[in-house]
Protein backbone atom coordinates (compact mmCIF):
# COMPACT_ATOMS: atom_id res chain seq x y z
CA MET A 1 10.85 -17.35 4.06
CA LYS A 2 8.72 -15.67 6.82
CA GLN A 3 8.45 -12.08 7.95
CA ARG A 4 7.11 -11.25 10.65
CA LEU A 5 4.83 -7.55 10.24
CA HIS A 6 6.43 -5.43 13.30
CA THR A 7 3.52 -5.35 15.01
CA VAL A 8 -0.60 -5.70 14.79
CA GLY A 9 -2.59 -3.57 15.51
CA VAL A 10 -2.76 0.67 14.78
CA ALA A 11 -0.16 2.68 16.13
CA THR A 12 -0.81 5.61 18.13
CA GLY A 13 1.79 7.61 15.72
CA MET A 14 0.25 7.28 12.51
CA SER A 15 -3.17 8.53 11.05
CA SER A 16 -5.00 7.35 7.93
CA LEU A 17 -5.80 10.49 5.80
CA SER A 18 -8.26 10.91 2.70
CA TRP A 19 -5.76 11.40 -0.36
CA PRO A 20 -6.67 15.33 -0.90
CA SER A 21 -5.86 16.26 3.17
CA PHE A 22 -2.53 14.38 2.55
CA LEU A 23 -1.46 15.92 -0.67
CA LYS A 24 -2.08 19.41 0.86
CA ASN A 25 -0.44 18.73 3.82
CA PHE A 26 2.49 16.24 2.79
CA PRO A 27 2.63 17.45 -1.06
CA HIS A 28 6.55 15.65 -1.21
CA GLY A 29 5.42 12.22 1.05
CA HIS A 30 6.60 8.86 -0.43
CA LEU A 31 4.35 6.70 -2.70
CA VAL A 32 4.38 2.95 -2.95
CA VAL A 33 2.14 1.71 -6.04
CA ALA A 34 0.02 -1.61 -6.41
CA VAL A 35 -0.43 -2.57 -9.45
CA ALA A 36 -3.45 -4.81 -9.10
CA VAL A 37 -2.76 -7.35 -12.35
CA ASP A 38 -5.70 -9.78 -11.66
CA VAL A 39 -8.23 -6.48 -12.12
CA GLY A 40 -9.18 -5.26 -15.47
CA ALA A 41 -9.15 -2.00 -16.61
CA ASP A 42 -12.91 -1.74 -17.07
CA GLU A 43 -13.12 -2.88 -13.20
CA ILE A 44 -12.08 0.59 -11.94
CA GLY A 45 -14.90 1.26 -9.49
CA SER A 46 -15.42 -2.58 -8.79
CA ARG A 47 -16.20 -4.32 -5.40
CA ARG A 48 -12.86 -6.88 -6.13
CA LEU A 49 -10.83 -3.44 -6.36
CA ARG A 50 -11.97 -1.80 -3.58
CA GLY A 51 -11.32 -4.82 -1.06
CA LEU A 52 -8.33 -4.64 -2.42
CA ARG A 53 -7.44 -0.91 -1.50
CA ASP A 54 -9.42 -2.13 1.49
CA LEU A 55 -6.89 -4.61 2.35
CA LEU A 56 -3.56 -2.86 1.85
CA HIS A 57 -5.66 -0.13 4.07
CA ARG A 58 -5.65 -3.06 6.66
CA ILE A 59 -2.33 -4.35 6.10
CA ILE A 60 -1.14 -0.46 6.22
CA GLY A 61 -2.47 -0.20 9.43
CA SER A 62 -1.36 -3.28 11.08
CA LEU A 63 2.58 -2.02 10.93
CA ALA A 64 3.68 0.88 13.61
CA LEU A 65 4.09 3.57 11.51
CA SER A 66 5.32 7.37 13.04
CA GLY A 67 3.35 9.42 10.09
CA ALA A 68 -0.11 9.63 8.38
CA PHE A 69 -0.44 7.59 4.98
CA ALA A 70 -3.48 7.71 2.43
CA LEU A 71 -4.88 5.28 -0.28
CA THR A 72 -6.90 5.91 -3.42
CA VAL A 73 -7.36 4.42 -6.68
CA SER A 74 -5.87 5.53 -10.22
CA ARG A 75 -6.53 4.53 -13.40
CA ALA A 76 -4.05 6.88 -15.08
CA ALA A 77 -1.79 4.75 -16.04
CA GLY A 78 -4.48 2.80 -18.20
CA PHE A 79 -4.77 -0.38 -15.83
CA PRO A 80 -5.95 -0.19 -12.62
CA GLN A 81 -3.12 1.15 -9.48
CA ILE A 82 -3.70 1.41 -5.99
CA LEU A 83 -1.78 4.63 -4.65
CA CYS A 84 0.00 4.58 -1.04
CA ALA A 85 1.21 7.67 0.15
CA PHE A 86 3.33 8.01 3.41
CA GLU A 87 4.08 10.40 5.40
CA THR A 88 7.96 9.22 6.31
CA GLU A 89 10.18 7.48 3.95
CA ALA A 90 10.81 4.67 6.59
CA ASP A 91 6.71 3.84 6.88
CA ALA A 92 6.85 3.58 3.37
CA GLU A 93 10.04 1.43 2.79
CA ALA A 94 8.39 -0.91 5.86
CA PHE A 95 5.35 -1.40 3.72
CA ALA A 96 7.50 -1.98 0.33
CA ALA A 97 9.14 -4.77 2.13
CA LEU A 98 6.48 -6.58 2.39
CA ALA A 99 5.67 -6.37 -1.00
CA LYS A 100 9.26 -6.46 -2.61
CA SER A 101 8.71 -3.65 -4.55
CA GLU A 102 10.95 -2.25 -6.75
CA PRO A 103 12.18 1.52 -7.38
CA ALA A 104 9.36 3.58 -9.67
CA GLU A 105 9.37 6.72 -11.55
CA GLY A 106 6.64 8.71 -13.39
CA PHE A 107 4.60 9.67 -10.28
CA PRO A 108 5.72 13.69 -10.44
CA GLY A 109 5.99 15.54 -6.65
CA PHE A 110 6.79 12.26 -4.57
CA ALA A 111 9.91 12.10 -2.82
CA THR A 112 10.31 8.46 -3.56
CA GLN A 113 8.60 6.34 -5.75
CA ARG A 114 8.39 2.60 -5.35
CA ILE A 115 6.07 -0.42 -7.11
CA PHE A 116 5.00 -3.70 -7.19
CA ARG A 117 2.71 -6.29 -8.98
CA LEU A 118 -0.44 -6.98 -6.28
CA ASP A 119 -1.14 -10.51 -7.79
CA MET A 120 -3.55 -13.18 -6.44
CA LEU A 121 -0.40 -15.21 -4.55
CA LEU A 122 0.52 -12.42 -2.76
CA GLU A 123 -3.00 -11.28 -2.39
CA MET A 124 -3.39 -14.29 -0.27
CA ALA A 125 -0.65 -14.06 1.29
CA LEU A 126 -1.38 -10.54 2.97
CA ARG A 127 -5.02 -11.62 3.75
CA ALA A 128 -3.24 -14.90 6.03
CA SER A 129 -0.69 -12.77 7.57
CA LEU A 130 -3.76 -10.56 8.66
CA LYS A 131 -5.45 -13.99 10.66
CA SER A 132 -1.81 -15.38 11.68
CA LYS A 133 -1.17 -12.05 13.57
CA GLY A 134 2.09 -10.76 11.01
CA ASP A 135 3.47 -14.09 9.49
CA ILE A 136 3.54 -13.64 5.78
CA GLU A 137 4.61 -16.04 3.37
CA GLN A 138 7.30 -14.65 1.12
CA ARG A 139 7.66 -16.54 -2.39
């Protein structure tokens, strides 16, 4: 089933913030966590993991968001995760829907929490969606 991203291009109402700035300004934001399943625990600073973070940043930037967002990489769980925080729940849900994320727990302070597995197939679908101006193949 194909899904269409809402818009391509950066929306005027949103902005990307650093992780510390986001947490300072929106301490009870909405979190979507990508578990980088194809990246080893020893690859936290790797080019591959930075590339996945940058891919998610580009995907989020292509959505019609109404608020601020921030991304960071974490290994607190013992394996690589990319934390994506949003000012508004609607923005978090828009991004979470692309990856078919599930409710999560274990991230204190966030109003809502969702999680998904960022594997090679999803990565390829997300990359293809950027090239096809928003079409994403959901499997």
